[in-house]
Amino acid sequence: MRYIEFVTYRLHGLADTEIAAKWDLSPEDLYLQMSQAGYPVCSECGTAPVAGTHCELSAQKRPRRPKAGHGEPHELPRPAAAAALFEEAADALYEIIEDLAHYRLVVENGRFTNTWVDNETPTYFPRSSFTAEQWEDLCETHGHDANSNGFMLRGAGMKAPTGGSRYPPRPLVNLIAVYALLERDMPALLKALHPEPSSVERKRISGLVNKTKVADGRDGLVRTAEQLAELVCGGGGGRGAPAGDLSAPEQNVACSITNYREEGWPDARICEHYAPFGFSRERVLELGRLGLRWPED
């Protein structure tokens, strides 16, 4: 039973916030559950053992902290508002993909260097840019009249260094990151880009993409992207344990519970209704406390 685990965790010195996080609860909901399960804990402040209404007087003197899921919901801007921005980003990715034909990457001494090569665009050679001797040699090499003021040459091979770094060029980094975030075929990407794909530690790549904080204290690409999206979309500002994940069926049930309650269904009937679908009474009540609703449109 959970209250036995609760007592054990406390005896081992775990903070209530840490205990609550293990079950995806706020400390307030944890105290309430322990109290309802028969453990003599104050459902308001967590003091134990207690008897009767331990925090009745103090609760009158201060505002009651909102329970998890009982805060005022507020609708976020529609994601479609950013559609044009995402389209611009997608267009930029397509431009990078087109440019890949010009990349010539070399890795040496731990540094990637890249040269932008164009063998297709015609290049104009003006006579004024060369000495007389250089101009004659150039015209003789390419079969052009030395008396002309200049000529166009195809396939001249324009080469423009783009610099070097510990990492590949940022445009390529962007493409690889998007590919990984879309959960595409990483072995296929390794085969396309790595000179010796069989030598790569696949677990290391999987860790860089999917891990949450481990010994090195760093999150993987997916988790970092999630944290970025959380902040961009207005999250990440709350205190306490993070909200637990909800599956699509659980969200559906949570919204339906709110609707059924407004129609006058008692909790006992709601719990009975969802029992055949594998939802325990405890889980139905947990989902009901979230107060979720269907969007109006």
C-alpha atoms as a PDB file:
ATOM      1  CA  MET A   1       0.000   0.000   0.000  1.00  0.00           C
ATOM      2  CA  ARG A   2       1.213   3.474  -0.794  1.00  0.00           C
ATOM      3  CA  TYR A   3       1.122   4.783   2.766  1.00  0.00           C
ATOM      4  CA  ILE A   4       3.620   2.074   3.796  1.00  0.00           C
ATOM      5  CA  GLU A   5       5.948   3.247   1.022  1.00  0.00           C
ATOM      6  CA  PHE A   6       5.308   6.823   2.136  1.00  0.00           C
ATOM      7  CA  VAL A   7       6.415   6.048   5.691  1.00  0.00           C
ATOM      8  CA  THR A   8       9.446   4.097   4.447  1.00  0.00           C
ATOM      9  CA  TYR A   9      10.570   6.943   2.198  1.00  0.00           C
ATOM     10  CA  ARG A  10      10.243   9.422   5.058  1.00  0.00           C
ATOM     11  CA  LEU A  11      12.274   7.175   7.370  1.00  0.00           C
ATOM     12  CA  HIS A  12      15.006   7.130   4.739  1.00  0.00           C
ATOM     13  CA  GLY A  13      15.088  10.918   4.711  1.00  0.00           C
ATOM     14  CA  LEU A  14      13.388  11.636   1.369  1.00  0.00           C
ATOM     15  CA  ALA A  15      11.691  15.019   1.125  1.00  0.00           C
ATOM     16  CA  ASP A  16       7.934  15.012   0.579  1.00  0.00           C
ATOM     17  CA  THR A  17       8.412  16.698  -2.809  1.00  0.00           C
ATOM     18  CA  GLU A  18      10.642  13.800  -3.893  1.00  0.00           C
ATOM     19  CA  ILE A  19       8.143  11.221  -2.634  1.00  0.00           C
ATOM     20  CA  ALA A  20       5.278  12.979  -4.409  1.00  0.00           C
ATOM     21  CA  ALA A  21       7.274  13.122  -7.650  1.00  0.00           C
ATOM     22  CA  LYS A  22       7.653   9.338  -7.630  1.00  0.00           C
ATOM     23  CA  TRP A  23       3.869   9.087  -8.111  1.00  0.00           C
ATOM     24  CA  ASP A  24       3.463  12.190 -10.294  1.00  0.00           C
ATOM     25  CA  LEU A  25       1.641  14.039  -7.516  1.00  0.00           C
ATOM     26  CA  SER A  26       1.954  17.376  -5.792  1.00  0.00           C
ATOM     27  CA  PRO A  27       2.765  17.207  -2.056  1.00  0.00           C
ATOM     28  CA  GLU A  28      -0.780  18.431  -1.299  1.00  0.00           C
ATOM     29  CA  ASP A  29      -2.362  15.579  -3.277  1.00  0.00           C
ATOM     30  CA  LEU A  30       0.071  13.146  -1.646  1.00  0.00           C
ATOM     31  CA  TYR A  31      -1.038  14.214   1.845  1.00  0.00           C
ATOM     32  CA  LEU A  32      -4.683  13.948   0.812  1.00  0.00           C
ATOM     33  CA  GLN A  33      -4.220  10.421  -0.550  1.00  0.00           C
ATOM     34  CA  MET A  34      -2.335   9.273   2.546  1.00  0.00           C
ATOM     35  CA  SER A  35      -5.050  10.733   4.785  1.00  0.00           C
ATOM     36  CA  GLN A  36      -7.817   9.047   2.777  1.00  0.00           C
ATOM     37  CA  ALA A  37      -5.912   5.735   2.944  1.00  0.00           C
ATOM     38  CA  GLY A  38      -6.041   5.863   6.751  1.00  0.00           C
ATOM     39  CA  TYR A  39      -2.543   7.072   7.554  1.00  0.00           C
ATOM     40  CA  PRO A  40      -2.639   9.700  10.367  1.00  0.00           C
ATOM     41  CA  VAL A  41      -1.176  12.533   8.321  1.00  0.00           C
ATOM     42  CA  CYS A  42      -2.512  16.055   8.095  1.00  0.00           C
ATOM     43  CA  SER A  43      -4.046  16.371   4.639  1.00  0.00           C
ATOM     44  CA  GLU A  44      -3.117  20.067   4.623  1.00  0.00           C
ATOM     45  CA  CYS A  45       0.518  20.266   5.767  1.00  0.00           C
ATOM     46  CA  GLY A  46       1.736  16.644   5.937  1.00  0.00           C
ATOM     47  CA  THR A  47       2.449  16.560   9.676  1.00  0.00           C
ATOM     48  CA  ALA A  48       2.269  13.034  11.141  1.00  0.00           C
ATOM     49  CA  PRO A  49       1.023  11.485  13.307  1.00  0.00           C
ATOM     50  CA  VAL A  50      -1.979  13.734  13.887  1.00  0.00           C
ATOM     51  CA  ALA A  51      -5.589  13.302  14.931  1.00  0.00           C
ATOM     52  CA  GLY A  52      -8.631  15.359  14.053  1.00  0.00           C
ATOM     53  CA  THR A  53      -8.493  18.620  12.118  1.00  0.00           C
ATOM     54  CA  HIS A  54      -4.844  19.490  12.595  1.00  0.00           C
ATOM     55  CA  CYS A  55      -4.687  22.456  10.224  1.00  0.00           C
ATOM     56  CA  GLU A  56      -8.244  23.740  10.612  1.00  0.00           C
ATOM     57  CA  LEU A  57      -7.229  26.944  12.418  1.00  0.00           C
ATOM     58  CA  SER A  58      -4.142  27.655  10.351  1.00  0.00           C
ATOM     59  CA  ALA A  59      -6.110  27.090   7.148  1.00  0.00           C
ATOM     60  CA  GLN A  60      -8.468  29.876   8.177  1.00  0.00           C
ATOM     61  CA  LYS A  61      -5.561  32.271   8.587  1.00  0.00           C
ATOM     62  CA  ARG A  62      -3.963  31.776   5.207  1.00  0.00           C
ATOM     63  CA  PRO A  63      -5.165  31.202   1.672  1.00  0.00           C
ATOM     64  CA  ARG A  64      -5.544  27.550   0.816  1.00  0.00           C
ATOM     65  CA  ARG A  65      -2.992  26.360  -1.690  1.00  0.00           C
ATOM     66  CA  PRO A  66      -4.617  25.144  -4.879  1.00  0.00           C
ATOM     67  CA  LYS A  67      -4.609  21.416  -5.431  1.00  0.00           C
ATOM     68  CA  ALA A  68      -2.857  20.038  -8.488  1.00  0.00           C
ATOM     69  CA  GLY A  69      -5.191  20.279 -11.460  1.00  0.00           C
ATOM     70  CA  HIS A  70      -7.433  22.873  -9.775  1.00  0.00           C
ATOM     71  CA  GLY A  71      -5.654  25.979 -11.036  1.00  0.00           C
ATOM     72  CA  GLU A  72      -7.475  28.221 -13.453  1.00  0.00           C
ATOM     73  CA  PRO A  73      -6.933  26.803 -16.963  1.00  0.00           C
ATOM     74  CA  HIS A  74      -6.071  29.235 -19.703  1.00  0.00           C
ATOM     75  CA  GLU A  75      -6.177  28.512 -23.399  1.00  0.00           C
ATOM     76  CA  LEU A  76      -2.906  28.947 -25.256  1.00  0.00           C
ATOM     77  CA  PRO A  77      -2.585  30.609 -28.657  1.00  0.00           C
ATOM     78  CA  ARG A  78      -3.554  28.258 -31.478  1.00  0.00           C
ATOM     79  CA  PRO A  79      -0.415  26.529 -32.864  1.00  0.00           C
ATOM     80  CA  ALA A  80      -1.660  27.438 -36.359  1.00  0.00           C
ATOM     81  CA  ALA A  81      -0.644  31.027 -35.536  1.00  0.00           C
ATOM     82  CA  ALA A  82       2.952  29.905 -36.050  1.00  0.00           C
ATOM     83  CA  ALA A  83       2.278  28.013 -39.291  1.00  0.00           C
ATOM     84  CA  ALA A  84       3.855  30.686 -41.495  1.00  0.00           C
ATOM     85  CA  LEU A  85       6.967  30.746 -39.294  1.00  0.00           C
ATOM     86  CA  PHE A  86       7.304  26.975 -39.490  1.00  0.00           C
ATOM     87  CA  GLU A  87       6.870  27.143 -43.262  1.00  0.00           C
ATOM     88  CA  GLU A  88       9.729  29.660 -43.454  1.00  0.00           C
ATOM     89  CA  ALA A  89      11.862  27.302 -41.382  1.00  0.00           C
ATOM     90  CA  ALA A  90      10.932  24.381 -43.648  1.00  0.00           C
ATOM     91  CA  ASP A  91      11.870  26.446 -46.720  1.00  0.00           C
ATOM     92  CA  ALA A  92      15.228  27.219 -45.091  1.00  0.00           C
ATOM     93  CA  LEU A  93      15.802  23.498 -44.573  1.00  0.00           C
ATOM     94  CA  TYR A  94      15.043  22.820 -48.240  1.00  0.00           C
ATOM     95  CA  GLU A  95      17.590  25.482 -49.221  1.00  0.00           C
ATOM     96  CA  ILE A  96      20.178  23.768 -47.019  1.00  0.00           C
ATOM     97  CA  ILE A  97      19.373  20.425 -48.655  1.00  0.00           C
ATOM     98  CA  GLU A  98      19.897  21.929 -52.107  1.00  0.00           C
ATOM     99  CA  ASP A  99      23.235  23.369 -50.973  1.00  0.00           C
ATOM    100  CA  LEU A 100      24.534  19.987 -49.802  1.00  0.00           C
ATOM    101  CA  ALA A 101      25.622  19.224 -53.366  1.00  0.00           C
ATOM    102  CA  HIS A 102      28.299  21.906 -52.944  1.00  0.00           C
ATOM    103  CA  TYR A 103      29.676  20.691 -49.573  1.00  0.00           C
ATOM    104  CA  ARG A 104      33.118  19.073 -49.457  1.00  0.00           C
ATOM    105  CA  LEU A 105      33.758  17.997 -45.852  1.00  0.00           C
ATOM    106  CA  VAL A 106      37.075  16.892 -44.403  1.00  0.00           C
ATOM    107  CA  VAL A 107      37.801  15.901 -40.789  1.00  0.00           C
ATOM    108  CA  GLU A 108      41.372  16.131 -39.530  1.00  0.00           C
ATOM    109  CA  ASN A 109      42.811  16.400 -36.016  1.00  0.00           C
ATOM    110  CA  GLY A 110      39.329  16.614 -34.552  1.00  0.00           C
ATOM    111  CA  ARG A 111      38.255  19.515 -36.789  1.00  0.00           C
ATOM    112  CA  PHE A 112      35.717  19.564 -39.594  1.00  0.00           C
ATOM    113  CA  THR A 113      36.552  21.849 -42.506  1.00  0.00           C
ATOM    114  CA  ASN A 114      34.223  22.499 -45.399  1.00  0.00           C
ATOM    115  CA  THR A 115      34.676  23.981 -48.848  1.00  0.00           C
ATOM    116  CA  TRP A 116      31.762  25.188 -50.936  1.00  0.00           C
ATOM    117  CA  VAL A 117      32.378  23.971 -54.506  1.00  0.00           C
ATOM    118  CA  ASP A 118      30.429  24.998 -57.596  1.00  0.00           C
ATOM    119  CA  ASN A 119      31.301  23.217 -60.844  1.00  0.00           C
ATOM    120  CA  GLU A 120      28.124  24.199 -62.708  1.00  0.00           C
ATOM    121  CA  THR A 121      27.653  27.957 -62.513  1.00  0.00           C
ATOM    122  CA  PRO A 122      29.501  29.720 -65.368  1.00  0.00           C
ATOM    123  CA  THR A 123      32.389  31.891 -64.182  1.00  0.00           C
ATOM    124  CA  TYR A 124      33.410  35.127 -65.948  1.00  0.00           C
ATOM    125  CA  PHE A 125      37.135  35.795 -66.310  1.00  0.00           C
ATOM    126  CA  PRO A 126      37.820  39.491 -67.030  1.00  0.00           C
ATOM    127  CA  ARG A 127      41.092  40.350 -68.808  1.00  0.00           C
ATOM    128  CA  SER A 128      41.708  43.214 -66.369  1.00  0.00           C
ATOM    129  CA  SER A 129      42.173  40.756 -63.476  1.00  0.00           C
ATOM    130  CA  PHE A 130      45.272  39.142 -64.981  1.00  0.00           C
ATOM    131  CA  THR A 131      48.752  40.147 -66.100  1.00  0.00           C
ATOM    132  CA  ALA A 132      49.418  39.973 -69.829  1.00  0.00           C
ATOM    133  CA  GLU A 133      51.365  36.741 -69.413  1.00  0.00           C
ATOM    134  CA  GLN A 134      48.705  35.169 -67.200  1.00  0.00           C
ATOM    135  CA  TRP A 135      45.967  36.190 -69.618  1.00  0.00           C
ATOM    136  CA  GLU A 136      47.724  34.645 -72.612  1.00  0.00           C
ATOM    137  CA  ASP A 137      48.316  31.399 -70.709  1.00  0.00           C
ATOM    138  CA  LEU A 138      44.682  31.298 -69.560  1.00  0.00           C
ATOM    139  CA  CYS A 139      43.296  31.908 -73.050  1.00  0.00           C
ATOM    140  CA  GLU A 140      45.628  29.321 -74.563  1.00  0.00           C
ATOM    141  CA  THR A 141      44.620  26.725 -71.943  1.00  0.00           C
ATOM    142  CA  HIS A 142      40.897  27.234 -72.564  1.00  0.00           C
ATOM    143  CA  GLY A 143      41.006  27.983 -76.286  1.00  0.00           C
ATOM    144  CA  HIS A 144      39.844  31.618 -76.141  1.00  0.00           C
ATOM    145  CA  ASP A 145      40.933  34.669 -78.130  1.00  0.00           C
ATOM    146  CA  ALA A 146      43.613  36.560 -76.172  1.00  0.00           C
ATOM    147  CA  ASN A 147      42.442  39.823 -77.761  1.00  0.00           C
ATOM    148  CA  SER A 148      39.016  39.607 -76.058  1.00  0.00           C
ATOM    149  CA  ASN A 149      38.163  41.544 -72.885  1.00  0.00           C
ATOM    150  CA  GLY A 150      37.026  38.387 -71.070  1.00  0.00           C
ATOM    151  CA  PHE A 151      35.184  35.103 -71.422  1.00  0.00           C
ATOM    152  CA  MET A 152      32.719  32.826 -69.626  1.00  0.00           C
ATOM    153  CA  LEU A 153      33.889  29.409 -68.537  1.00  0.00           C
ATOM    154  CA  ARG A 154      31.764  26.491 -67.366  1.00  0.00           C
ATOM    155  CA  GLY A 155      33.120  23.863 -64.993  1.00  0.00           C
ATOM    156  CA  ALA A 156      35.837  26.130 -63.669  1.00  0.00           C
ATOM    157  CA  GLY A 157      35.265  24.782 -60.181  1.00  0.00           C
ATOM    158  CA  MET A 158      34.730  27.780 -57.926  1.00  0.00           C
ATOM    159  CA  LYS A 159      35.931  26.869 -54.427  1.00  0.00           C
ATOM    160  CA  ALA A 160      35.039  28.901 -51.335  1.00  0.00           C
ATOM    161  CA  PRO A 161      36.257  27.737 -47.891  1.00  0.00           C
ATOM    162  CA  THR A 162      33.585  28.053 -45.192  1.00  0.00           C
ATOM    163  CA  GLY A 163      35.835  27.485 -42.162  1.00  0.00           C
ATOM    164  CA  GLY A 164      36.457  24.739 -39.650  1.00  0.00           C
ATOM    165  CA  SER A 165      35.174  23.678 -36.227  1.00  0.00           C
ATOM    166  CA  ARG A 166      34.923  20.755 -33.834  1.00  0.00           C
ATOM    167  CA  TYR A 167      31.454  20.229 -35.278  1.00  0.00           C
ATOM    168  CA  PRO A 168      30.197  19.890 -38.865  1.00  0.00           C
ATOM    169  CA  PRO A 169      28.802  23.068 -40.504  1.00  0.00           C
ATOM    170  CA  ARG A 170      25.765  24.419 -38.641  1.00  0.00           C
ATOM    171  CA  PRO A 171      23.372  23.904 -41.606  1.00  0.00           C
ATOM    172  CA  LEU A 172      24.247  20.181 -41.609  1.00  0.00           C
ATOM    173  CA  VAL A 173      23.907  20.053 -37.811  1.00  0.00           C
ATOM    174  CA  ASN A 174      20.397  21.485 -38.180  1.00  0.00           C
ATOM    175  CA  LEU A 175      19.405  18.842 -40.714  1.00  0.00           C
ATOM    176  CA  ILE A 176      20.763  15.982 -38.603  1.00  0.00           C
ATOM    177  CA  ALA A 177      18.943  17.276 -35.510  1.00  0.00           C
ATOM    178  CA  VAL A 178      15.617  17.559 -37.330  1.00  0.00           C
ATOM    179  CA  TYR A 179      16.108  14.060 -38.770  1.00  0.00           C
ATOM    180  CA  ALA A 180      16.720  12.661 -35.280  1.00  0.00           C
ATOM    181  CA  LEU A 181      13.793  14.528 -33.709  1.00  0.00           C
ATOM    182  CA  LEU A 182      11.485  13.086 -36.377  1.00  0.00           C
ATOM    183  CA  GLU A 183      12.667   9.614 -35.296  1.00  0.00           C
ATOM    184  CA  ARG A 184      13.890   8.669 -38.734  1.00  0.00           C
ATOM    185  CA  ASP A 185      16.263   5.800 -39.592  1.00  0.00           C
ATOM    186  CA  MET A 186      19.565   6.683 -37.849  1.00  0.00           C
ATOM    187  CA  PRO A 187      21.473   3.636 -39.188  1.00  0.00           C
ATOM    188  CA  ALA A 188      20.599   4.766 -42.728  1.00  0.00           C
ATOM    189  CA  LEU A 189      21.889   8.273 -41.936  1.00  0.00           C
ATOM    190  CA  LEU A 190      25.120   6.837 -40.544  1.00  0.00           C
ATOM    191  CA  LYS A 191      25.557   4.774 -43.691  1.00  0.00           C
ATOM    192  CA  ALA A 192      25.120   7.913 -45.800  1.00  0.00           C
ATOM    193  CA  LEU A 193      27.377  10.272 -43.828  1.00  0.00           C
ATOM    194  CA  HIS A 194      29.898   8.299 -41.768  1.00  0.00           C
ATOM    195  CA  PRO A 195      33.090   6.987 -43.423  1.00  0.00           C
ATOM    196  CA  GLU A 196      33.012   3.857 -41.214  1.00  0.00           C
ATOM    197  CA  PRO A 197      29.427   3.425 -39.984  1.00  0.00           C
ATOM    198  CA  SER A 198      30.120   0.016 -38.430  1.00  0.00           C
ATOM    199  CA  SER A 199      32.571   1.630 -36.000  1.00  0.00           C
ATOM    200  CA  VAL A 200      29.983   3.915 -34.412  1.00  0.00           C
ATOM    201  CA  GLU A 201      28.626   3.138 -30.932  1.00  0.00           C
ATOM    202  CA  ARG A 202      24.885   3.032 -31.610  1.00  0.00           C
ATOM    203  CA  LYS A 203      24.108   3.230 -27.881  1.00  0.00           C
ATOM    204  CA  ARG A 204      26.024   6.489 -27.642  1.00  0.00           C
ATOM    205  CA  ILE A 205      23.975   8.010 -30.458  1.00  0.00           C
ATOM    206  CA  SER A 206      20.742   6.762 -28.897  1.00  0.00           C
ATOM    207  CA  GLY A 207      21.802   8.322 -25.601  1.00  0.00           C
ATOM    208  CA  LEU A 208      22.552  11.686 -27.177  1.00  0.00           C
ATOM    209  CA  VAL A 209      19.093  11.669 -28.719  1.00  0.00           C
ATOM    210  CA  ASN A 210      16.894  10.146 -26.026  1.00  0.00           C
ATOM    211  CA  LYS A 211      18.523  10.225 -22.603  1.00  0.00           C
ATOM    212  CA  THR A 212      17.355  12.217 -19.635  1.00  0.00           C
ATOM    213  CA  LYS A 213      19.893  13.425 -17.103  1.00  0.00           C
ATOM    214  CA  VAL A 214      22.362  10.734 -16.130  1.00  0.00           C
ATOM    215  CA  ALA A 215      25.826  10.828 -14.594  1.00  0.00           C
ATOM    216  CA  ASP A 216      27.055  13.614 -16.878  1.00  0.00           C
ATOM    217  CA  GLY A 217      24.083  15.809 -15.957  1.00  0.00           C
ATOM    218  CA  ARG A 218      23.139  16.427 -19.580  1.00  0.00           C
ATOM    219  CA  ASP A 219      19.850  15.821 -21.317  1.00  0.00           C
ATOM    220  CA  GLY A 220      19.574  14.261 -24.745  1.00  0.00           C
ATOM    221  CA  LEU A 221      18.447  16.072 -27.877  1.00  0.00           C
ATOM    222  CA  VAL A 222      14.786  15.097 -27.516  1.00  0.00           C
ATOM    223  CA  ARG A 223      14.580  16.165 -23.862  1.00  0.00           C
ATOM    224  CA  THR A 224      16.370  19.441 -24.598  1.00  0.00           C
ATOM    225  CA  ALA A 225      13.962  20.088 -27.474  1.00  0.00           C
ATOM    226  CA  GLU A 226      11.040  19.344 -25.146  1.00  0.00           C
ATOM    227  CA  GLN A 227      12.346  21.841 -22.594  1.00  0.00           C
ATOM    228  CA  LEU A 228      12.710  24.487 -25.306  1.00  0.00           C
ATOM    229  CA  ALA A 229       9.153  23.884 -26.543  1.00  0.00           C
ATOM    230  CA  GLU A 230       7.882  24.003 -22.948  1.00  0.00           C
ATOM    231  CA  LEU A 231       9.299  27.498 -22.475  1.00  0.00           C
ATOM    232  CA  VAL A 232       8.256  28.752 -25.920  1.00  0.00           C
ATOM    233  CA  CYS A 233       4.667  27.635 -25.350  1.00  0.00           C
ATOM    234  CA  GLY A 234       4.327  29.158 -21.889  1.00  0.00           C
ATOM    235  CA  GLY A 235       5.284  26.309 -19.567  1.00  0.00           C
ATOM    236  CA  GLY A 236       8.240  25.732 -17.288  1.00  0.00           C
ATOM    237  CA  GLY A 237       7.307  28.403 -14.792  1.00  0.00           C
ATOM    238  CA  GLY A 238       5.578  26.327 -12.129  1.00  0.00           C
ATOM    239  CA  ARG A 239       6.990  25.082  -8.834  1.00  0.00           C
ATOM    240  CA  GLY A 240       7.009  21.594  -7.384  1.00  0.00           C
ATOM    241  CA  ALA A 241       7.044  18.254  -9.094  1.00  0.00           C
ATOM    242  CA  PRO A 242       6.458  18.269 -12.863  1.00  0.00           C
ATOM    243  CA  ALA A 243       3.104  17.140 -14.121  1.00  0.00           C
ATOM    244  CA  GLY A 244       2.969  13.481 -15.097  1.00  0.00           C
ATOM    245  CA  ASP A 245       2.322  12.330 -18.646  1.00  0.00           C
ATOM    246  CA  LEU A 246      -1.207  11.587 -19.791  1.00  0.00           C
ATOM    247  CA  SER A 247      -1.935   9.065 -22.498  1.00  0.00           C
ATOM    248  CA  ALA A 248      -4.589   9.873 -25.091  1.00  0.00           C
ATOM    249  CA  PRO A 249      -7.110   7.473 -23.457  1.00  0.00           C
ATOM    250  CA  GLU A 250      -6.446   9.043 -20.037  1.00  0.00           C
ATOM    251  CA  GLN A 251      -7.029  12.548 -21.383  1.00  0.00           C
ATOM    252  CA  ASN A 252     -10.243  11.331 -22.975  1.00  0.00           C
ATOM    253  CA  VAL A 253     -11.405   9.853 -19.677  1.00  0.00           C
ATOM    254  CA  ALA A 254     -10.424  12.971 -17.689  1.00  0.00           C
ATOM    255  CA  CYS A 255     -12.460  15.247 -19.974  1.00  0.00           C
ATOM    256  CA  SER A 256     -15.401  12.818 -19.927  1.00  0.00           C
ATOM    257  CA  ILE A 257     -15.369  12.704 -16.117  1.00  0.00           C
ATOM    258  CA  THR A 258     -15.746  16.484 -15.957  1.00  0.00           C
ATOM    259  CA  ASN A 259     -18.649  16.252 -18.387  1.00  0.00           C
ATOM    260  CA  TYR A 260     -20.336  13.411 -16.490  1.00  0.00           C
ATOM    261  CA  ARG A 261     -20.020  15.254 -13.195  1.00  0.00           C
ATOM    262  CA  GLU A 262     -21.665  18.333 -14.696  1.00  0.00           C
ATOM    263  CA  GLU A 263     -24.484  16.053 -15.848  1.00  0.00           C
ATOM    264  CA  GLY A 264     -24.936  14.928 -12.242  1.00  0.00           C
ATOM    265  CA  TRP A 265     -23.248  11.547 -12.267  1.00  0.00           C
ATOM    266  CA  PRO A 266     -21.908  10.555  -8.811  1.00  0.00           C
ATOM    267  CA  ASP A 267     -18.302   9.408  -8.606  1.00  0.00           C
ATOM    268  CA  ALA A 268     -19.371   5.854  -7.772  1.00  0.00           C
ATOM    269  CA  ARG A 269     -21.239   5.591 -11.078  1.00  0.00           C
ATOM    270  CA  ILE A 270     -18.322   7.099 -13.008  1.00  0.00           C
ATOM    271  CA  CYS A 271     -15.865   4.632 -11.426  1.00  0.00           C
ATOM    272  CA  GLU A 272     -18.189   1.750 -12.240  1.00  0.00           C
ATOM    273  CA  HIS A 273     -18.532   3.007 -15.815  1.00  0.00           C
ATOM    274  CA  TYR A 274     -14.748   2.949 -16.438  1.00  0.00           C
ATOM    275  CA  ALA A 275     -13.911  -0.246 -14.537  1.00  0.00           C
ATOM    276  CA  PRO A 276     -14.445  -2.488 -17.631  1.00  0.00           C
ATOM    277  CA  PHE A 277     -11.909  -0.344 -19.509  1.00  0.00           C
ATOM    278  CA  GLY A 278      -9.155  -1.080 -16.998  1.00  0.00           C
ATOM    279  CA  PHE A 279      -9.345   2.148 -14.964  1.00  0.00           C
ATOM    280  CA  SER A 280      -9.178   1.577 -11.215  1.00  0.00           C
ATOM    281  CA  ARG A 281     -11.261   3.669  -8.848  1.00  0.00           C
ATOM    282  CA  GLU A 282      -8.092   5.415  -7.663  1.00  0.00           C
ATOM    283  CA  ARG A 283      -7.044   6.320 -11.196  1.00  0.00           C
ATOM    284  CA  VAL A 284     -10.525   7.578 -12.128  1.00  0.00           C
ATOM    285  CA  LEU A 285     -10.525   9.888  -9.104  1.00  0.00           C
ATOM    286  CA  GLU A 286      -6.992  11.084  -9.927  1.00  0.00           C
ATOM    287  CA  LEU A 287      -8.045  11.911 -13.472  1.00  0.00           C
ATOM    288  CA  GLY A 288     -11.178  13.597 -12.180  1.00  0.00           C
ATOM    289  CA  ARG A 289      -9.121  15.925  -9.988  1.00  0.00           C
ATOM    290  CA  LEU A 290      -7.409  17.301 -13.098  1.00  0.00           C
ATOM    291  CA  GLY A 291     -10.607  19.105 -14.102  1.00  0.00           C
ATOM    292  CA  LEU A 292      -9.885  18.778 -17.827  1.00  0.00           C
ATOM    293  CA  ARG A 293     -12.477  19.879 -20.377  1.00  0.00           C
ATOM    294  CA  TRP A 294     -13.041  19.478 -24.088  1.00  0.00           C
ATOM    295  CA  PRO A 295     -12.138  22.523 -26.210  1.00  0.00           C
ATOM    296  CA  GLU A 296     -15.199  24.563 -27.127  1.00  0.00           C
ATOM    297  CA  ASP A 297     -14.303  24.491 -30.822  1.00  0.00           C
END
